[in-house]
Amino acid sequence: MAVTLTEAAARHVQKYIDRRGKGIGLRLGVKTSGCSGMAYKLEFADAVNEDDQVYESFGVKVIVDEKSLPYIDGTELDYTREGLQEGFKFHNPNETSRCGCGESFHV
């Protein structure tokens, strides 16, 4: 499987990499947090580590460390605007439940 971006998410990430003036893509991982156990972690990537997996969607690299991959393999990251709210949405087939506030998930 793979970790992918929708076209809207790829455009958003590329726009911020361009504004930032450096970076090779988006690093996606998980951390222990929240009431459901895990939370997504997003940051710009300036390098690829030896244990990283690299995927590409619409010309944007998505970099995932090997420890996070089992929890997010198959995830599609979208960027949406709904009314006054905008942000990333994670479509993770591995999620079995999600916290009521939406900050964390369980696999």
Protein backbone atom coordinates (compact mmCIF):
# COMPACT_ATOMS: atom_id res chain seq x y z
CA MET A 1 0.00 0.00 0.00
CA ALA A 2 1.03 3.64 0.12
CA VAL A 3 0.39 6.97 1.77
CA THR A 4 -1.09 9.44 -0.71
CA LEU A 5 -2.21 13.03 -1.06
CA THR A 6 -5.26 14.24 -2.93
CA GLU A 7 -4.61 16.87 -5.57
CA ALA A 8 -5.93 19.59 -3.22
CA ALA A 9 -3.58 18.48 -0.42
CA ALA A 10 -0.61 18.31 -2.79
CA ARG A 11 -1.31 21.85 -4.06
CA HIS A 12 -1.55 23.15 -0.49
CA VAL A 13 1.69 21.48 0.60
CA GLN A 14 3.56 22.64 -2.51
CA LYS A 15 2.37 26.23 -1.96
CA TYR A 16 3.83 26.22 1.56
CA ILE A 17 7.08 24.57 0.49
CA ASP A 18 7.44 27.30 -2.14
CA ARG A 19 6.73 30.03 0.46
CA ARG A 20 9.16 28.42 2.88
CA GLY A 21 11.86 28.44 0.21
CA LYS A 22 13.18 24.96 1.01
CA GLY A 23 12.02 21.42 1.63
CA ILE A 24 11.62 18.19 -0.29
CA GLY A 25 8.13 17.23 0.84
CA LEU A 26 5.85 16.48 3.74
CA ARG A 27 6.78 14.21 6.65
CA LEU A 28 3.79 12.29 8.02
CA GLY A 29 3.98 10.22 11.18
CA VAL A 30 2.17 9.33 14.36
CA LYS A 31 2.84 10.03 18.02
CA THR A 32 1.31 8.76 21.23
CA SER A 33 -1.19 11.37 22.32
CA GLY A 34 -4.79 12.21 23.08
CA CYS A 35 -7.61 10.20 24.56
CA SER A 36 -7.67 7.59 21.76
CA GLY A 37 -3.96 6.84 21.86
CA MET A 38 -2.36 8.21 18.69
CA ALA A 39 -2.23 11.51 16.84
CA TYR A 40 -1.01 12.42 13.38
CA LYS A 41 2.17 14.44 13.12
CA LEU A 42 2.84 16.64 10.07
CA GLU A 43 5.94 18.67 9.29
CA PHE A 44 7.98 19.79 6.33
CA ALA A 45 10.80 17.45 5.37
CA ASP A 46 14.22 18.73 4.39
CA ALA A 47 15.85 15.30 4.15
CA VAL A 48 15.06 11.61 3.86
CA ASN A 49 16.34 9.36 6.62
CA GLU A 50 17.65 5.86 6.03
CA ASP A 51 14.55 4.19 7.53
CA ASP A 52 12.00 6.37 5.69
CA GLN A 53 9.57 5.30 3.00
CA VAL A 54 8.98 7.88 0.27
CA TYR A 55 5.76 8.13 -1.74
CA GLU A 56 4.80 10.75 -4.29
CA SER A 57 1.42 12.23 -5.19
CA PHE A 58 0.90 14.97 -7.76
CA GLY A 59 4.61 15.82 -7.65
CA VAL A 60 4.81 16.13 -3.85
CA LYS A 61 6.81 13.67 -1.77
CA VAL A 62 5.27 12.14 1.36
CA ILE A 63 7.91 10.78 3.74
CA VAL A 64 6.95 8.26 6.44
CA ASP A 65 9.24 6.72 9.06
CA GLU A 66 9.16 2.93 9.38
CA LYS A 67 7.70 3.00 12.93
CA SER A 68 4.68 5.07 11.85
CA LEU A 69 4.01 3.20 8.61
CA PRO A 70 2.04 0.24 10.07
CA TYR A 71 -0.46 2.70 11.60
CA ILE A 72 -0.93 4.89 8.51
CA ASP A 73 -0.27 2.60 5.54
CA GLY A 74 -3.05 3.17 3.01
CA THR A 75 -3.90 6.64 4.34
CA GLU A 76 -5.03 9.37 1.99
CA LEU A 77 -4.45 12.93 3.17
CA ASP A 78 -6.91 15.52 1.85
CA TYR A 79 -7.12 19.28 2.30
CA THR A 80 -10.64 20.64 2.61
CA ARG A 81 -12.52 23.85 3.24
CA GLU A 82 -15.90 23.59 4.93
CA GLY A 83 -17.41 26.96 5.73
CA LEU A 84 -14.90 28.87 7.83
CA GLN A 85 -12.94 25.71 8.67
CA GLU A 86 -10.09 24.44 6.56
CA GLY A 87 -7.42 21.86 7.12
CA PHE A 88 -6.11 18.39 6.48
CA LYS A 89 -8.38 15.35 6.73
CA PHE A 90 -6.96 11.88 7.17
CA HIS A 91 -8.71 8.94 5.50
CA ASN A 92 -6.97 6.07 7.28
CA PRO A 93 -8.32 2.55 6.64
CA ASN A 94 -6.51 1.33 9.78
CA GLU A 95 -8.47 3.53 12.20
CA THR A 96 -10.87 1.59 14.41
CA SER A 97 -12.06 4.60 16.41
CA ARG A 98 -11.50 8.32 16.72
CA CYS A 99 -11.64 10.68 19.66
CA GLY A 100 -14.76 12.86 19.86
CA CYS A 101 -12.70 16.03 19.45
CA GLY A 102 -10.96 14.57 16.38
CA GLU A 103 -7.44 15.03 17.76
CA SER A 104 -6.51 11.39 18.12
CA PHE A 105 -7.30 7.92 16.80
CA HIS A 106 -6.96 4.23 17.66
CA VAL A 107 -5.82 1.38 15.43
